[in-house]
Amino acid sequence: MTVTPNPKWAHLEAQGEVVIRQKLALQQLGGLDMFLAREWLEYRANQRLDSSSREQIRIARSAKIAAWIAAIAAIIAAISAIIALAPWTLNWGAILGRLS
């Protein structure tokens, strides 16, 4: 059971969203109960949106970290390739120097 900021929502929490939505649809709630039920359902919907937003932020941060790791790996690979090719390019310089 989740904790809600309004203590009057406890009986709504106990019944659950599905039951409350059914009661509203069948007009079994009236007056203050109807107002509280709608307010509570709106609160629950906002909770889900907040949770979804937090999850999207977490996923975006993970993607950002993965992109940085990939960029660093690419830089390391480029440096390694340059180091591996350095002796070969130096030999071509010597060969070309002998030809001229």
PDB file of N, CA and C in Angstrom:
ATOM      1  N   MET A   1       0.842  -1.173   0.000  1.00  0.00           N
ATOM      2  CA  MET A   1       0.000   0.000   0.000  1.00  0.00           C
ATOM      3  C   MET A   1       0.886   1.234   0.000  1.00  0.00           C
ATOM      4  N   THR A   2       0.581   2.195  -0.845  1.00  0.00           N
ATOM      5  CA  THR A   2       1.387   3.400  -0.936  1.00  0.00           C
ATOM      6  C   THR A   2       0.897   4.445   0.055  1.00  0.00           C
ATOM      7  N   VAL A   3       1.815   5.308   0.425  1.00  0.00           N
ATOM      8  CA  VAL A   3       1.482   6.391   1.337  1.00  0.00           C
ATOM      9  C   VAL A   3       1.024   7.581   0.504  1.00  0.00           C
ATOM     10  N   THR A   4      -0.123   8.130   0.845  1.00  0.00           N
ATOM     11  CA  THR A   4      -0.643   9.283   0.116  1.00  0.00           C
ATOM     12  C   THR A   4      -0.648  10.496   1.031  1.00  0.00           C
ATOM     13  N   PRO A   5      -0.558  11.692   0.459  1.00  0.00           N
ATOM     14  CA  PRO A   5      -0.504  12.887   1.286  1.00  0.00           C
ATOM     15  C   PRO A   5      -1.833  13.238   1.959  1.00  0.00           C
ATOM     16  N   ASN A   6      -2.932  12.711   1.489  1.00  0.00           N
ATOM     17  CA  ASN A   6      -4.242  13.023   2.054  1.00  0.00           C
ATOM     18  C   ASN A   6      -4.757  11.810   2.827  1.00  0.00           C
ATOM     19  N   PRO A   7      -4.904  11.931   4.148  1.00  0.00           N
ATOM     20  CA  PRO A   7      -5.359  10.770   4.936  1.00  0.00           C
ATOM     21  C   PRO A   7      -6.772  10.306   4.568  1.00  0.00           C
ATOM     22  N   LYS A   8      -7.555  11.159   3.934  1.00  0.00           N
ATOM     23  CA  LYS A   8      -8.913  10.779   3.531  1.00  0.00           C
ATOM     24  C   LYS A   8      -8.902   9.800   2.364  1.00  0.00           C
ATOM     25  N   TRP A   9      -7.748   9.613   1.753  1.00  0.00           N
ATOM     26  CA  TRP A   9      -7.640   8.717   0.605  1.00  0.00           C
ATOM     27  C   TRP A   9      -7.407   7.259   1.016  1.00  0.00           C
ATOM     28  N   ALA A  10      -7.245   6.999   2.301  1.00  0.00           N
ATOM     29  CA  ALA A  10      -6.913   5.641   2.763  1.00  0.00           C
ATOM     30  C   ALA A  10      -7.946   4.616   2.286  1.00  0.00           C
ATOM     31  N   HIS A  11      -9.230   4.944   2.374  1.00  0.00           N
ATOM     32  CA  HIS A  11     -10.259   3.976   1.936  1.00  0.00           C
ATOM     33  C   HIS A  11     -10.225   3.789   0.418  1.00  0.00           C
ATOM     34  N   LEU A  12      -9.779   4.806  -0.317  1.00  0.00           N
ATOM     35  CA  LEU A  12      -9.643   4.667  -1.768  1.00  0.00           C
ATOM     36  C   LEU A  12      -8.469   3.745  -2.098  1.00  0.00           C
ATOM     37  N   GLU A  13      -7.361   3.943  -1.390  1.00  0.00           N
ATOM     38  CA  GLU A  13      -6.182   3.077  -1.569  1.00  0.00           C
ATOM     39  C   GLU A  13      -6.555   1.624  -1.317  1.00  0.00           C
ATOM     40  N   ALA A  14      -7.332   1.394  -0.262  1.00  0.00           N
ATOM     41  CA  ALA A  14      -7.703   0.024   0.106  1.00  0.00           C
ATOM     42  C   ALA A  14      -8.526  -0.653  -0.996  1.00  0.00           C
ATOM     43  N   GLN A  15      -9.351   0.117  -1.690  1.00  0.00           N
ATOM     44  CA  GLN A  15     -10.189  -0.455  -2.749  1.00  0.00           C
ATOM     45  C   GLN A  15      -9.440  -0.597  -4.068  1.00  0.00           C
ATOM     46  N   GLY A  16      -8.522   0.294  -4.332  1.00  0.00           N
ATOM     47  CA  GLY A  16      -7.742   0.223  -5.563  1.00  0.00           C
ATOM     48  C   GLY A  16      -8.355   1.036  -6.690  1.00  0.00           C
ATOM     49  N   GLU A  17      -7.514   1.335  -7.671  1.00  0.00           N
ATOM     50  CA  GLU A  17      -7.931   2.197  -8.780  1.00  0.00           C
ATOM     51  C   GLU A  17      -9.056   1.597  -9.614  1.00  0.00           C
ATOM     52  N   VAL A  18      -8.972   0.315  -9.895  1.00  0.00           N
ATOM     53  CA  VAL A  18      -9.973  -0.315 -10.768  1.00  0.00           C
ATOM     54  C   VAL A  18     -11.369  -0.186 -10.162  1.00  0.00           C
ATOM     55  N   VAL A  19     -11.483  -0.502  -8.890  1.00  0.00           N
ATOM     56  CA  VAL A  19     -12.787  -0.445  -8.214  1.00  0.00           C
ATOM     57  C   VAL A  19     -13.303   0.989  -8.173  1.00  0.00           C
ATOM     58  N   ILE A  20     -12.422   1.923  -7.856  1.00  0.00           N
ATOM     59  CA  ILE A  20     -12.844   3.329  -7.772  1.00  0.00           C
ATOM     60  C   ILE A  20     -13.287   3.834  -9.143  1.00  0.00           C
ATOM     61  N   ARG A  21     -12.561   3.473 -10.177  1.00  0.00           N
ATOM     62  CA  ARG A  21     -12.957   3.891 -11.535  1.00  0.00           C
ATOM     63  C   ARG A  21     -14.330   3.298 -11.900  1.00  0.00           C
ATOM     64  N   GLN A  22     -14.550   2.051 -11.516  1.00  0.00           N
ATOM     65  CA  GLN A  22     -15.846   1.421 -11.788  1.00  0.00           C
ATOM     66  C   GLN A  22     -16.970   2.143 -11.047  1.00  0.00           C
ATOM     67  N   LYS A  23     -16.721   2.464  -9.786  1.00  0.00           N
ATOM     68  CA  LYS A  23     -17.738   3.159  -8.993  1.00  0.00           C
ATOM     69  C   LYS A  23     -18.046   4.535  -9.580  1.00  0.00           C
ATOM     70  N   LEU A  24     -17.017   5.224 -10.055  1.00  0.00           N
ATOM     71  CA  LEU A  24     -17.246   6.525 -10.692  1.00  0.00           C
ATOM     72  C   LEU A  24     -18.048   6.359 -11.979  1.00  0.00           C
ATOM     73  N   ALA A  25     -17.685   5.365 -12.766  1.00  0.00           N
ATOM     74  CA  ALA A  25     -18.377   5.130 -14.035  1.00  0.00           C
ATOM     75  C   ALA A  25     -19.847   4.775 -13.812  1.00  0.00           C
ATOM     76  N   LEU A  26     -20.101   4.032 -12.752  1.00  0.00           N
ATOM     77  CA  LEU A  26     -21.477   3.621 -12.443  1.00  0.00           C
ATOM     78  C   LEU A  26     -22.207   4.649 -11.576  1.00  0.00           C
ATOM     79  N   GLN A  27     -21.541   5.765 -11.325  1.00  0.00           N
ATOM     80  CA  GLN A  27     -22.086   6.860 -10.511  1.00  0.00           C
ATOM     81  C   GLN A  27     -22.507   6.381  -9.122  1.00  0.00           C
ATOM     82  N   GLN A  28     -21.664   5.526  -8.543  1.00  0.00           N
ATOM     83  CA  GLN A  28     -21.929   5.025  -7.200  1.00  0.00           C
ATOM     84  C   GLN A  28     -21.308   5.918  -6.133  1.00  0.00           C
ATOM     85  N   LEU A  29     -20.551   6.898  -6.554  1.00  0.00           N
ATOM     86  CA  LEU A  29     -19.965   7.852  -5.618  1.00  0.00           C
ATOM     87  C   LEU A  29     -20.575   9.219  -5.889  1.00  0.00           C
ATOM     88  N   GLY A  30     -20.865   9.922  -4.847  1.00  0.00           N
ATOM     89  CA  GLY A  30     -21.442  11.246  -5.027  1.00  0.00           C
ATOM     90  C   GLY A  30     -20.855  12.231  -4.033  1.00  0.00           C
ATOM     91  N   GLY A  31     -21.049  13.484  -4.312  1.00  0.00           N
ATOM     92  CA  GLY A  31     -20.631  14.543  -3.398  1.00  0.00           C
ATOM     93  C   GLY A  31     -19.144  14.530  -3.121  1.00  0.00           C
ATOM     94  N   LEU A  32     -18.812  14.568  -1.845  1.00  0.00           N
ATOM     95  CA  LEU A  32     -17.415  14.623  -1.416  1.00  0.00           C
ATOM     96  C   LEU A  32     -16.654  13.366  -1.821  1.00  0.00           C
ATOM     97  N   ASP A  33     -17.305  12.209  -1.744  1.00  0.00           N
ATOM     98  CA  ASP A  33     -16.634  10.958  -2.135  1.00  0.00           C
ATOM     99  C   ASP A  33     -16.220  10.991  -3.604  1.00  0.00           C
ATOM    100  N   MET A  34     -17.088  11.536  -4.457  1.00  0.00           N
ATOM    101  CA  MET A  34     -16.763  11.627  -5.879  1.00  0.00           C
ATOM    102  C   MET A  34     -15.580  12.579  -6.085  1.00  0.00           C
ATOM    103  N   PHE A  35     -15.602  13.715  -5.404  1.00  0.00           N
ATOM    104  CA  PHE A  35     -14.509  14.681  -5.508  1.00  0.00           C
ATOM    105  C   PHE A  35     -13.195  14.060  -5.045  1.00  0.00           C
ATOM    106  N   LEU A  36     -13.222  13.397  -3.884  1.00  0.00           N
ATOM    107  CA  LEU A  36     -12.010  12.761  -3.352  1.00  0.00           C
ATOM    108  C   LEU A  36     -11.501  11.677  -4.297  1.00  0.00           C
ATOM    109  N   ALA A  37     -12.418  10.901  -4.859  1.00  0.00           N
ATOM    110  CA  ALA A  37     -12.020   9.823  -5.774  1.00  0.00           C
ATOM    111  C   ALA A  37     -11.339  10.392  -7.011  1.00  0.00           C
ATOM    112  N   ARG A  38     -11.908  11.440  -7.586  1.00  0.00           N
ATOM    113  CA  ARG A  38     -11.292  12.054  -8.775  1.00  0.00           C
ATOM    114  C   ARG A  38      -9.940  12.676  -8.439  1.00  0.00           C
ATOM    115  N   GLU A  39      -9.877  13.324  -7.292  1.00  0.00           N
ATOM    116  CA  GLU A  39      -8.615  13.928  -6.854  1.00  0.00           C
ATOM    117  C   GLU A  39      -7.548  12.842  -6.658  1.00  0.00           C
ATOM    118  N   TRP A  40      -7.944  11.743  -6.039  1.00  0.00           N
ATOM    119  CA  TRP A  40      -7.015  10.643  -5.783  1.00  0.00           C
ATOM    120  C   TRP A  40      -6.543  10.005  -7.089  1.00  0.00           C
ATOM    121  N   LEU A  41      -7.469   9.798  -8.028  1.00  0.00           N
ATOM    122  CA  LEU A  41      -7.091   9.218  -9.322  1.00  0.00           C
ATOM    123  C   LEU A  41      -6.129  10.139 -10.074  1.00  0.00           C
ATOM    124  N   GLU A  42      -6.346  11.434  -9.985  1.00  0.00           N
ATOM    125  CA  GLU A  42      -5.432  12.388 -10.626  1.00  0.00           C
ATOM    126  C   GLU A  42      -4.050  12.324  -9.969  1.00  0.00           C
ATOM    127  N   TYR A  43      -4.045  12.225  -8.644  1.00  0.00           N
ATOM    128  CA  TYR A  43      -2.784  12.094  -7.912  1.00  0.00           C
ATOM    129  C   TYR A  43      -2.035  10.835  -8.357  1.00  0.00           C
ATOM    130  N   ARG A  44      -2.755   9.732  -8.466  1.00  0.00           N
ATOM    131  CA  ARG A  44      -2.127   8.466  -8.886  1.00  0.00           C
ATOM    132  C   ARG A  44      -1.561   8.572 -10.305  1.00  0.00           C
ATOM    133  N   ALA A  45      -2.304   9.224 -11.200  1.00  0.00           N
ATOM    134  CA  ALA A  45      -1.838   9.401 -12.579  1.00  0.00           C
ATOM    135  C   ALA A  45      -0.567  10.247 -12.601  1.00  0.00           C
ATOM    136  N   ASN A  46      -0.538  11.292 -11.792  1.00  0.00           N
ATOM    137  CA  ASN A  46       0.660  12.138 -11.716  1.00  0.00           C
ATOM    138  C   ASN A  46       1.845  11.367 -11.153  1.00  0.00           C
ATOM    139  N   GLN A  47       1.585  10.486 -10.199  1.00  0.00           N
ATOM    140  CA  GLN A  47       2.656   9.643  -9.658  1.00  0.00           C
ATOM    141  C   GLN A  47       3.264   8.782 -10.757  1.00  0.00           C
ATOM    142  N   ARG A  48       2.418   8.203 -11.591  1.00  0.00           N
ATOM    143  CA  ARG A  48       2.911   7.364 -12.683  1.00  0.00           C
ATOM    144  C   ARG A  48       3.736   8.183 -13.666  1.00  0.00           C
ATOM    145  N   LEU A  49       3.272   9.399 -13.985  1.00  0.00           N
ATOM    146  CA  LEU A  49       4.020  10.265 -14.898  1.00  0.00           C
ATOM    147  C   LEU A  49       5.380  10.628 -14.320  1.00  0.00           C
ATOM    148  N   ASP A  50       5.413  10.962 -13.030  1.00  0.00           N
ATOM    149  CA  ASP A  50       6.680  11.297 -12.381  1.00  0.00           C
ATOM    150  C   ASP A  50       7.633  10.117 -12.416  1.00  0.00           C
ATOM    151  N   SER A  51       7.095   8.942 -12.146  1.00  0.00           N
ATOM    152  CA  SER A  51       7.913   7.731 -12.169  1.00  0.00           C
ATOM    153  C   SER A  51       8.457   7.475 -13.567  1.00  0.00           C
ATOM    154  N   SER A  52       7.615   7.662 -14.564  1.00  0.00           N
ATOM    155  CA  SER A  52       8.031   7.469 -15.954  1.00  0.00           C
ATOM    156  C   SER A  52       9.106   8.476 -16.343  1.00  0.00           C
ATOM    157  N   SER A  53       8.943   9.718 -15.914  1.00  0.00           N
ATOM    158  CA  SER A  53       9.938  10.756 -16.218  1.00  0.00           C
ATOM    159  C   SER A  53      11.281  10.420 -15.582  1.00  0.00           C
ATOM    160  N   ARG A  54      11.250   9.964 -14.343  1.00  0.00           N
ATOM    161  CA  ARG A  54      12.503   9.580 -13.671  1.00  0.00           C
ATOM    162  C   ARG A  54      13.186   8.431 -14.412  1.00  0.00           C
ATOM    163  N   GLU A  55      12.398   7.481 -14.869  1.00  0.00           N
ATOM    164  CA  GLU A  55      12.959   6.347 -15.609  1.00  0.00           C
ATOM    165  C   GLU A  55      13.569   6.809 -16.928  1.00  0.00           C
ATOM    166  N   GLN A  56      12.908   7.731 -17.618  1.00  0.00           N
ATOM    167  CA  GLN A  56      13.442   8.260 -18.871  1.00  0.00           C
ATOM    168  C   GLN A  56      14.749   9.007 -18.639  1.00  0.00           C
ATOM    169  N   ILE A  57      14.827   9.760 -17.548  1.00  0.00           N
ATOM    170  CA  ILE A  57      16.069  10.471 -17.216  1.00  0.00           C
ATOM    171  C   ILE A  57      17.179   9.470 -16.937  1.00  0.00           C
ATOM    172  N   ARG A  58      16.864   8.411 -16.205  1.00  0.00           N
ATOM    173  CA  ARG A  58      17.868   7.387 -15.898  1.00  0.00           C
ATOM    174  C   ARG A  58      18.370   6.726 -17.179  1.00  0.00           C
ATOM    175  N   ILE A  59      17.460   6.423 -18.092  1.00  0.00           N
ATOM    176  CA  ILE A  59      17.844   5.799 -19.362  1.00  0.00           C
ATOM    177  C   ILE A  59      18.702   6.748 -20.186  1.00  0.00           C
ATOM    178  N   ALA A  60      18.330   8.025 -20.209  1.00  0.00           N
ATOM    179  CA  ALA A  60      19.109   9.017 -20.965  1.00  0.00           C
ATOM    180  C   ALA A  60      20.515   9.148 -20.398  1.00  0.00           C
ATOM    181  N   ARG A  61      20.636   9.124 -19.082  1.00  0.00           N
ATOM    182  CA  ARG A  61      21.970   9.201 -18.463  1.00  0.00           C
ATOM    183  C   ARG A  61      22.802   7.978 -18.818  1.00  0.00           C
ATOM    184  N   SER A  62      22.179   6.815 -18.799  1.00  0.00           N
ATOM    185  CA  SER A  62      22.900   5.595 -19.168  1.00  0.00           C
ATOM    186  C   SER A  62      23.368   5.655 -20.614  1.00  0.00           C
ATOM    187  N   ALA A  63      22.521   6.171 -21.490  1.00  0.00           N
ATOM    188  CA  ALA A  63      22.896   6.302 -22.904  1.00  0.00           C
ATOM    189  C   ALA A  63      24.041   7.293 -23.071  1.00  0.00           C
ATOM    190  N   LYS A  64      24.014   8.359 -22.305  1.00  0.00           N
ATOM    191  CA  LYS A  64      25.082   9.361 -22.363  1.00  0.00           C
ATOM    192  C   LYS A  64      26.410   8.745 -21.924  1.00  0.00           C
ATOM    193  N   ILE A  65      26.378   7.983 -20.850  1.00  0.00           N
ATOM    194  CA  ILE A  65      27.597   7.320 -20.367  1.00  0.00           C
ATOM    195  C   ILE A  65      28.105   6.336 -21.411  1.00  0.00           C
ATOM    196  N   ALA A  66      27.201   5.574 -22.013  1.00  0.00           N
ATOM    197  CA  ALA A  66      27.599   4.612 -23.052  1.00  0.00           C
ATOM    198  C   ALA A  66      28.218   5.331 -24.247  1.00  0.00           C
ATOM    199  N   ALA A  67      27.674   6.487 -24.608  1.00  0.00           N
ATOM    200  CA  ALA A  67      28.231   7.254 -25.731  1.00  0.00           C
ATOM    201  C   ALA A  67      29.638   7.748 -25.410  1.00  0.00           C
ATOM    202  N   TRP A  68      29.849   8.204 -24.187  1.00  0.00           N
ATOM    203  CA  TRP A  68      31.192   8.643 -23.786  1.00  0.00           C
ATOM    204  C   TRP A  68      32.176   7.473 -23.817  1.00  0.00           C
ATOM    205  N   ILE A  69      31.755   6.324 -23.335  1.00  0.00           N
ATOM    206  CA  ILE A  69      32.629   5.142 -23.345  1.00  0.00           C
ATOM    207  C   ILE A  69      32.979   4.767 -24.778  1.00  0.00           C
ATOM    208  N   ALA A  70      31.999   4.807 -25.676  1.00  0.00           N
ATOM    209  CA  ALA A  70      32.257   4.488 -27.085  1.00  0.00           C
ATOM    210  C   ALA A  70      33.213   5.502 -27.709  1.00  0.00           C
ATOM    211  N   ALA A  71      33.049   6.779 -27.366  1.00  0.00           N
ATOM    212  CA  ALA A  71      33.938   7.816 -27.907  1.00  0.00           C
ATOM    213  C   ALA A  71      35.367   7.619 -27.416  1.00  0.00           C
ATOM    214  N   ILE A  72      35.520   7.305 -26.150  1.00  0.00           N
ATOM    215  CA  ILE A  72      36.859   7.069 -25.595  1.00  0.00           C
ATOM    216  C   ILE A  72      37.486   5.840 -26.243  1.00  0.00           C
ATOM    217  N   ALA A  73      36.701   4.784 -26.433  1.00  0.00           N
ATOM    218  CA  ALA A  73      37.215   3.573 -27.089  1.00  0.00           C
ATOM    219  C   ALA A  73      37.654   3.882 -28.517  1.00  0.00           C
ATOM    220  N   ALA A  74      36.902   4.727 -29.223  1.00  0.00           N
ATOM    221  CA  ALA A  74      37.270   5.097 -30.598  1.00  0.00           C
ATOM    222  C   ALA A  74      38.569   5.892 -30.616  1.00  0.00           C
ATOM    223  N   ILE A  75      38.738   6.782 -29.656  1.00  0.00           N
ATOM    224  CA  ILE A  75      39.985   7.565 -29.576  1.00  0.00           C
ATOM    225  C   ILE A  75      41.168   6.649 -29.298  1.00  0.00           C
ATOM    226  N   ILE A  76      40.992   5.718 -28.372  1.00  0.00           N
ATOM    227  CA  ILE A  76      42.070   4.769 -28.057  1.00  0.00           C
ATOM    228  C   ILE A  76      42.398   3.922 -29.282  1.00  0.00           C
ATOM    229  N   ALA A  77      41.373   3.481 -30.012  1.00  0.00           N
ATOM    230  CA  ALA A  77      41.605   2.683 -31.223  1.00  0.00           C
ATOM    231  C   ALA A  77      42.354   3.496 -32.271  1.00  0.00           C
ATOM    232  N   ALA A  78      42.005   4.767 -32.423  1.00  0.00           N
ATOM    233  CA  ALA A  78      42.688   5.625 -33.399  1.00  0.00           C
ATOM    234  C   ALA A  78      44.148   5.828 -33.020  1.00  0.00           C
ATOM    235  N   ILE A  79      44.406   6.065 -31.748  1.00  0.00           N
ATOM    236  CA  ILE A  79      45.791   6.236 -31.286  1.00  0.00           C
ATOM    237  C   ILE A  79      46.576   4.948 -31.494  1.00  0.00           C
ATOM    238  N   SER A  80      45.959   3.811 -31.185  1.00  0.00           N
ATOM    239  CA  SER A  80      46.629   2.519 -31.380  1.00  0.00           C
ATOM    240  C   SER A  80      46.953   2.288 -32.853  1.00  0.00           C
ATOM    241  N   ALA A  81      46.042   2.663 -33.737  1.00  0.00           N
ATOM    242  CA  ALA A  81      46.278   2.502 -35.177  1.00  0.00           C
ATOM    243  C   ALA A  81      47.430   3.387 -35.632  1.00  0.00           C
ATOM    244  N   ILE A  82      47.484   4.606 -35.128  1.00  0.00           N
ATOM    245  CA  ILE A  82      48.585   5.513 -35.489  1.00  0.00           C
ATOM    246  C   ILE A  82      49.915   4.945 -35.018  1.00  0.00           C
ATOM    247  N   ILE A  83      49.938   4.437 -33.801  1.00  0.00           N
ATOM    248  CA  ILE A  83      51.175   3.849 -33.265  1.00  0.00           C
ATOM    249  C   ILE A  83      51.575   2.624 -34.078  1.00  0.00           C
ATOM    250  N   ALA A  84      50.596   1.800 -34.449  1.00  0.00           N
ATOM    251  CA  ALA A  84      50.892   0.596 -35.230  1.00  0.00           C
ATOM    252  C   ALA A  84      51.406   0.950 -36.621  1.00  0.00           C
ATOM    253  N   LEU A  85      50.923   2.031 -37.207  1.00  0.00           N
ATOM    254  CA  LEU A  85      51.332   2.427 -38.553  1.00  0.00           C
ATOM    255  C   LEU A  85      52.597   3.274 -38.566  1.00  0.00           C
ATOM    256  N   ALA A  86      53.019   3.778 -37.436  1.00  0.00           N
ATOM    257  CA  ALA A  86      54.176   4.676 -37.389  1.00  0.00           C
ATOM    258  C   ALA A  86      55.437   4.038 -37.978  1.00  0.00           C
ATOM    259  N   PRO A  87      55.815   2.818 -37.613  1.00  0.00           N
ATOM    260  CA  PRO A  87      57.034   2.238 -38.209  1.00  0.00           C
ATOM    261  C   PRO A  87      56.903   2.058 -39.723  1.00  0.00           C
ATOM    262  N   TRP A  88      55.738   1.684 -40.180  1.00  0.00           N
ATOM    263  CA  TRP A  88      55.513   1.481 -41.606  1.00  0.00           C
ATOM    264  C   TRP A  88      55.676   2.794 -42.360  1.00  0.00           C
ATOM    265  N   THR A  89      55.114   3.871 -41.841  1.00  0.00           N
ATOM    266  CA  THR A  89      55.233   5.171 -42.514  1.00  0.00           C
ATOM    267  C   THR A  89      56.658   5.681 -42.458  1.00  0.00           C
ATOM    268  N   LEU A  90      57.371   5.384 -41.385  1.00  0.00           N
ATOM    269  CA  LEU A  90      58.777   5.803 -41.305  1.00  0.00           C
ATOM    270  C   LEU A  90      59.608   5.062 -42.345  1.00  0.00           C
ATOM    271  N   ASN A  91      59.307   3.780 -42.561  1.00  0.00           N
ATOM    272  CA  ASN A  91      60.022   3.013 -43.586  1.00  0.00           C
ATOM    273  C   ASN A  91      59.763   3.592 -44.968  1.00  0.00           C
ATOM    274  N   TRP A  92      58.560   4.007 -45.275  1.00  0.00           N
ATOM    275  CA  TRP A  92      58.263   4.625 -46.566  1.00  0.00           C
ATOM    276  C   TRP A  92      59.046   5.921 -46.728  1.00  0.00           C
ATOM    277  N   GLY A  93      59.210   6.637 -45.647  1.00  0.00           N
ATOM    278  CA  GLY A  93      60.004   7.865 -45.718  1.00  0.00           C
ATOM    279  C   GLY A  93      61.442   7.557 -46.081  1.00  0.00           C
ATOM    280  N   ALA A  94      61.971   6.493 -45.514  1.00  0.00           N
ATOM    281  CA  ALA A  94      63.353   6.102 -45.827  1.00  0.00           C
ATOM    282  C   ALA A  94      63.457   5.626 -47.265  1.00  0.00           C
ATOM    283  N   ILE A  95      62.462   4.852 -47.711  1.00  0.00           N
ATOM    284  CA  ILE A  95      62.466   4.358 -49.092  1.00  0.00           C
ATOM    285  C   ILE A  95      62.379   5.519 -50.067  1.00  0.00           C
ATOM    286  N   LEU A  96      61.496   6.431 -49.832  1.00  0.00           N
ATOM    287  CA  LEU A  96      61.345   7.582 -50.721  1.00  0.00           C
ATOM    288  C   LEU A  96      62.592   8.461 -50.694  1.00  0.00           C
ATOM    289  N   GLY A  97      63.241   8.530 -49.552  1.00  0.00           N
ATOM    290  CA  GLY A  97      64.474   9.318 -49.447  1.00  0.00           C
ATOM    291  C   GLY A  97      65.587   8.717 -50.286  1.00  0.00           C
ATOM    292  N   ARG A  98      65.649   7.404 -50.375  1.00  0.00           N
ATOM    293  CA  ARG A  98      66.679   6.727 -51.169  1.00  0.00           C
ATOM    294  C   ARG A  98      66.425   6.901 -52.662  1.00  0.00           C
ATOM    295  N   LEU A  99      65.156   6.995 -53.040  1.00  0.00           N
ATOM    296  CA  LEU A  99      64.822   7.123 -54.452  1.00  0.00           C
ATOM    297  C   LEU A  99      65.148   8.507 -54.997  1.00  0.00           C
ATOM    298  N   SER A 100      65.176   9.497 -54.175  1.00  0.00           N
ATOM    299  CA  SER A 100      65.413  10.837 -54.715  1.00  0.00           C
ATOM    300  C   SER A 100      66.866  11.208 -54.749  1.00  0.00           C
TER     301      SER A 100
END
